[in-house]
Amino acid sequence: MWLFVFFDLPVGTKDQRRRANRFRNFLKDDGYMMLQFSVYARVCRGQDAVEKHVKRARSSLPDEGSIRSLQITDKQFGRMELMLGTAPKNERVGPSQMVLL
């Protein structure tokens, strides 16, 4: 099972940027990988793990802003398509499936 977190946090002031960066760092430390700047995903082993990580993300959300979560299966994740234009050279197509041991 894959858990996606989409968020929109204000970054107009220095304090807001600090809180947004703190939330991004929380997601990285909690095992999420960044797919896009405000889109992070992680693998979860079942519904209990999904609920645990959603609860953790909710408790780390800054006062301003919003987050959304989405659960998808490995099969659905495998059908995701990466389309690259000419501008971003730092993205690349990764392996088709993640191996968990």
N, C-alpha and C. Protein backbone atom coordinates (compact mmCIF):
# COMPACT_ATOMS: atom_id res chain seq x y z
N MET A 1 0.85 -1.17 0.00
CA MET A 1 0.00 0.00 0.00
C MET A 1 0.90 1.23 0.00
N TRP A 2 0.56 2.20 -0.81
CA TRP A 2 1.28 3.46 -0.87
C TRP A 2 0.43 4.56 -0.25
N LEU A 3 1.06 5.43 0.51
CA LEU A 3 0.39 6.59 1.11
C LEU A 3 1.00 7.84 0.52
N PHE A 4 0.17 8.66 -0.09
CA PHE A 4 0.59 9.94 -0.65
C PHE A 4 0.12 11.05 0.28
N VAL A 5 0.96 12.06 0.43
CA VAL A 5 0.59 13.27 1.17
C VAL A 5 0.81 14.45 0.24
N PHE A 6 -0.26 15.22 0.03
CA PHE A 6 -0.22 16.44 -0.78
C PHE A 6 -0.43 17.59 0.18
N PHE A 7 0.37 18.62 0.09
CA PHE A 7 0.17 19.73 1.03
C PHE A 7 0.36 21.07 0.35
N ASP A 8 -0.29 22.06 0.95
CA ASP A 8 -0.20 23.44 0.50
C ASP A 8 0.00 24.28 1.75
N LEU A 9 1.20 24.79 1.93
CA LEU A 9 1.53 25.57 3.11
C LEU A 9 1.99 26.96 2.69
N PRO A 10 1.57 27.99 3.42
CA PRO A 10 2.00 29.35 3.07
C PRO A 10 3.49 29.54 3.33
N VAL A 11 4.15 30.31 2.47
CA VAL A 11 5.59 30.57 2.62
C VAL A 11 5.90 32.05 2.41
N GLY A 12 4.94 32.91 2.76
CA GLY A 12 5.10 34.35 2.53
C GLY A 12 6.06 35.02 3.49
N THR A 13 6.15 34.53 4.73
CA THR A 13 7.04 35.13 5.71
C THR A 13 8.14 34.15 6.08
N LYS A 14 9.15 34.65 6.74
CA LYS A 14 10.27 33.78 7.16
C LYS A 14 9.78 32.69 8.12
N ASP A 15 8.89 33.04 9.02
CA ASP A 15 8.35 32.07 9.97
C ASP A 15 7.52 30.99 9.26
N GLN A 16 6.73 31.39 8.27
CA GLN A 16 5.95 30.42 7.50
C GLN A 16 6.86 29.48 6.71
N ARG A 17 7.92 30.00 6.13
CA ARG A 17 8.88 29.15 5.40
C ARG A 17 9.54 28.15 6.35
N ARG A 18 9.87 28.61 7.54
CA ARG A 18 10.48 27.74 8.54
C ARG A 18 9.53 26.59 8.91
N ARG A 19 8.25 26.91 9.12
CA ARG A 19 7.28 25.86 9.47
C ARG A 19 7.06 24.90 8.31
N ALA A 20 7.02 25.41 7.08
CA ALA A 20 6.86 24.55 5.91
C ALA A 20 8.06 23.62 5.75
N ASN A 21 9.26 24.14 5.94
CA ASN A 21 10.46 23.31 5.86
C ASN A 21 10.50 22.27 6.97
N ARG A 22 10.04 22.65 8.15
CA ARG A 22 9.98 21.70 9.26
C ARG A 22 9.03 20.54 8.92
N PHE A 23 7.89 20.85 8.28
CA PHE A 23 6.95 19.81 7.90
C PHE A 23 7.56 18.91 6.82
N ARG A 24 8.22 19.48 5.83
CA ARG A 24 8.89 18.68 4.79
C ARG A 24 9.94 17.76 5.40
N ASN A 25 10.71 18.29 6.32
CA ASN A 25 11.74 17.47 6.98
C ASN A 25 11.10 16.36 7.82
N PHE A 26 9.97 16.64 8.46
CA PHE A 26 9.26 15.60 9.19
C PHE A 26 8.88 14.46 8.24
N LEU A 27 8.34 14.81 7.07
CA LEU A 27 7.95 13.78 6.11
C LEU A 27 9.15 12.94 5.68
N LYS A 28 10.25 13.59 5.37
CA LYS A 28 11.46 12.85 4.96
C LYS A 28 11.93 11.93 6.09
N ASP A 29 11.95 12.44 7.32
CA ASP A 29 12.39 11.64 8.46
C ASP A 29 11.44 10.48 8.75
N ASP A 30 10.17 10.63 8.35
CA ASP A 30 9.17 9.59 8.59
C ASP A 30 9.13 8.56 7.45
N GLY A 31 10.07 8.65 6.52
CA GLY A 31 10.18 7.64 5.48
C GLY A 31 9.52 7.96 4.16
N TYR A 32 9.06 9.19 3.99
CA TYR A 32 8.45 9.60 2.73
C TYR A 32 9.55 9.97 1.73
N MET A 33 9.25 9.77 0.46
CA MET A 33 10.14 10.27 -0.59
C MET A 33 9.40 11.37 -1.34
N MET A 34 10.14 12.38 -1.74
CA MET A 34 9.54 13.50 -2.44
C MET A 34 9.35 13.14 -3.91
N LEU A 35 8.09 13.23 -4.37
CA LEU A 35 7.79 13.03 -5.78
C LEU A 35 7.78 14.35 -6.52
N GLN A 36 7.21 15.36 -5.88
CA GLN A 36 7.25 16.73 -6.35
C GLN A 36 7.37 17.59 -5.10
N PHE A 37 7.54 18.89 -5.26
CA PHE A 37 7.85 19.73 -4.11
C PHE A 37 6.82 19.60 -2.98
N SER A 38 5.55 19.49 -3.28
CA SER A 38 4.53 19.35 -2.24
C SER A 38 3.79 18.02 -2.32
N VAL A 39 4.43 17.02 -2.88
CA VAL A 39 3.84 15.68 -3.00
C VAL A 39 4.87 14.66 -2.51
N TYR A 40 4.53 13.96 -1.46
CA TYR A 40 5.42 12.96 -0.87
C TYR A 40 4.69 11.62 -0.80
N ALA A 41 5.44 10.52 -0.87
CA ALA A 41 4.82 9.18 -0.82
C ALA A 41 5.70 8.25 -0.02
N ARG A 42 5.07 7.25 0.57
CA ARG A 42 5.80 6.21 1.30
C ARG A 42 5.04 4.89 1.20
N VAL A 43 5.76 3.82 1.41
CA VAL A 43 5.16 2.49 1.43
C VAL A 43 4.70 2.20 2.85
N CYS A 44 3.52 1.61 2.98
CA CYS A 44 3.00 1.19 4.28
C CYS A 44 2.59 -0.28 4.18
N ARG A 45 2.79 -0.99 5.24
CA ARG A 45 2.42 -2.41 5.28
C ARG A 45 1.04 -2.57 5.92
N GLY A 46 0.02 -2.26 5.18
CA GLY A 46 -1.34 -2.47 5.66
C GLY A 46 -2.02 -1.21 6.16
N GLN A 47 -3.30 -1.36 6.44
CA GLN A 47 -4.15 -0.24 6.83
C GLN A 47 -3.75 0.36 8.17
N ASP A 48 -3.31 -0.47 9.12
CA ASP A 48 -2.89 0.06 10.42
C ASP A 48 -1.72 1.03 10.27
N ALA A 49 -0.76 0.68 9.43
CA ALA A 49 0.39 1.56 9.20
C ALA A 49 -0.04 2.85 8.51
N VAL A 50 -0.96 2.74 7.56
CA VAL A 50 -1.47 3.93 6.88
C VAL A 50 -2.10 4.88 7.89
N GLU A 51 -2.96 4.34 8.74
CA GLU A 51 -3.63 5.18 9.75
C GLU A 51 -2.63 5.81 10.70
N LYS A 52 -1.59 5.07 11.08
CA LYS A 52 -0.57 5.61 11.97
C LYS A 52 0.15 6.79 11.33
N HIS A 53 0.53 6.65 10.06
CA HIS A 53 1.28 7.72 9.40
C HIS A 53 0.39 8.92 9.05
N VAL A 54 -0.87 8.69 8.76
CA VAL A 54 -1.80 9.81 8.54
C VAL A 54 -1.95 10.60 9.84
N LYS A 55 -2.08 9.89 10.95
CA LYS A 55 -2.20 10.56 12.25
C LYS A 55 -0.95 11.36 12.57
N ARG A 56 0.23 10.80 12.28
CA ARG A 56 1.48 11.51 12.53
C ARG A 56 1.59 12.76 11.66
N ALA A 57 1.20 12.67 10.39
CA ALA A 57 1.24 13.83 9.50
C ALA A 57 0.27 14.90 10.00
N ARG A 58 -0.90 14.48 10.42
CA ARG A 58 -1.90 15.43 10.92
C ARG A 58 -1.37 16.17 12.15
N SER A 59 -0.69 15.47 13.04
CA SER A 59 -0.19 16.11 14.26
C SER A 59 1.00 17.04 13.97
N SER A 60 1.67 16.87 12.84
CA SER A 60 2.81 17.71 12.49
C SER A 60 2.45 18.88 11.59
N LEU A 61 1.20 18.97 11.17
CA LEU A 61 0.77 20.04 10.27
C LEU A 61 0.85 21.39 10.96
N PRO A 62 1.47 22.37 10.32
CA PRO A 62 1.46 23.74 10.87
C PRO A 62 0.03 24.27 10.95
N ASP A 63 -0.17 25.30 11.79
CA ASP A 63 -1.51 25.87 11.97
C ASP A 63 -2.11 26.37 10.66
N GLU A 64 -1.28 26.95 9.80
CA GLU A 64 -1.76 27.44 8.52
C GLU A 64 -1.45 26.40 7.45
N GLY A 65 -2.36 26.23 6.52
CA GLY A 65 -2.11 25.31 5.42
C GLY A 65 -3.04 24.11 5.47
N SER A 66 -2.88 23.23 4.48
CA SER A 66 -3.73 22.05 4.40
C SER A 66 -2.93 20.89 3.83
N ILE A 67 -3.33 19.68 4.24
CA ILE A 67 -2.75 18.48 3.67
C ILE A 67 -3.88 17.54 3.26
N ARG A 68 -3.58 16.70 2.29
CA ARG A 68 -4.50 15.67 1.85
C ARG A 68 -3.71 14.38 1.78
N SER A 69 -4.36 13.28 2.07
CA SER A 69 -3.69 11.98 1.95
C SER A 69 -4.49 11.11 0.99
N LEU A 70 -3.79 10.19 0.35
CA LEU A 70 -4.41 9.28 -0.61
C LEU A 70 -3.71 7.93 -0.49
N GLN A 71 -4.50 6.87 -0.42
CA GLN A 71 -3.95 5.52 -0.37
C GLN A 71 -4.16 4.85 -1.72
N ILE A 72 -3.11 4.20 -2.20
CA ILE A 72 -3.25 3.43 -3.44
C ILE A 72 -2.50 2.11 -3.29
N THR A 73 -2.84 1.15 -4.11
CA THR A 73 -2.18 -0.15 -4.07
C THR A 73 -0.87 -0.12 -4.84
N ASP A 74 -0.07 -1.16 -4.65
CA ASP A 74 1.18 -1.27 -5.41
C ASP A 74 0.91 -1.33 -6.91
N LYS A 75 -0.15 -2.02 -7.28
CA LYS A 75 -0.47 -2.14 -8.70
C LYS A 75 -0.82 -0.78 -9.30
N GLN A 76 -1.61 0.01 -8.57
CA GLN A 76 -1.95 1.34 -9.05
C GLN A 76 -0.71 2.22 -9.11
N PHE A 77 0.17 2.12 -8.12
CA PHE A 77 1.39 2.90 -8.11
C PHE A 77 2.26 2.53 -9.32
N GLY A 78 2.29 1.26 -9.64
CA GLY A 78 3.08 0.79 -10.77
C GLY A 78 2.61 1.33 -12.11
N ARG A 79 1.34 1.75 -12.17
CA ARG A 79 0.81 2.31 -13.41
C ARG A 79 1.05 3.81 -13.53
N MET A 80 1.70 4.41 -12.52
CA MET A 80 2.01 5.83 -12.61
C MET A 80 3.00 6.05 -13.75
N GLU A 81 2.80 7.11 -14.45
CA GLU A 81 3.65 7.42 -15.59
C GLU A 81 4.38 8.73 -15.32
N LEU A 82 5.67 8.74 -15.52
CA LEU A 82 6.48 9.95 -15.37
C LEU A 82 6.69 10.55 -16.74
N MET A 83 6.28 11.79 -16.90
CA MET A 83 6.43 12.49 -18.18
C MET A 83 7.33 13.69 -17.95
N LEU A 84 8.47 13.70 -18.60
CA LEU A 84 9.44 14.77 -18.42
C LEU A 84 9.48 15.67 -19.65
N GLY A 85 9.48 16.95 -19.42
CA GLY A 85 9.68 17.91 -20.50
C GLY A 85 11.17 18.18 -20.66
N THR A 86 11.49 19.29 -21.27
CA THR A 86 12.90 19.60 -21.50
C THR A 86 13.53 20.38 -20.36
N ALA A 87 12.74 21.03 -19.50
CA ALA A 87 13.31 21.90 -18.48
C ALA A 87 13.98 21.14 -17.32
N PRO A 88 13.27 20.25 -16.59
CA PRO A 88 13.91 19.66 -15.41
C PRO A 88 14.85 18.50 -15.77
N LYS A 89 16.12 18.66 -15.51
CA LYS A 89 17.10 17.61 -15.81
C LYS A 89 17.44 16.79 -14.56
N ASN A 90 16.95 17.20 -13.38
CA ASN A 90 17.30 16.48 -12.17
C ASN A 90 16.38 15.29 -11.88
N GLU A 91 15.29 15.13 -12.62
CA GLU A 91 14.40 13.98 -12.44
C GLU A 91 14.77 12.90 -13.43
N ARG A 92 14.57 11.67 -13.00
CA ARG A 92 14.83 10.55 -13.88
C ARG A 92 13.85 9.44 -13.56
N VAL A 93 13.62 8.60 -14.49
CA VAL A 93 12.71 7.47 -14.29
C VAL A 93 13.44 6.47 -13.41
N GLY A 94 12.80 6.12 -12.29
CA GLY A 94 13.40 5.19 -11.34
C GLY A 94 13.00 3.76 -11.63
N PRO A 95 13.33 2.85 -10.74
CA PRO A 95 12.96 1.45 -10.94
C PRO A 95 11.44 1.31 -10.93
N SER A 96 10.97 0.28 -11.62
CA SER A 96 9.52 0.12 -11.77
C SER A 96 8.84 -0.30 -10.48
N GLN A 97 9.59 -0.93 -9.56
CA GLN A 97 8.96 -1.37 -8.32
C GLN A 97 9.99 -1.33 -7.21
N MET A 98 9.54 -1.00 -6.01
CA MET A 98 10.42 -0.96 -4.86
C MET A 98 10.42 -2.33 -4.20
N VAL A 99 11.57 -2.81 -3.79
CA VAL A 99 11.68 -4.11 -3.14
C VAL A 99 11.80 -3.89 -1.65
N LEU A 100 10.92 -4.56 -0.88
CA LEU A 100 10.95 -4.48 0.58
C LEU A 100 11.44 -5.81 1.12
N LEU A 101 12.38 -5.75 2.02
CA LEU A 101 12.90 -6.98 2.65
C LEU A 101 12.51 -7.03 4.08
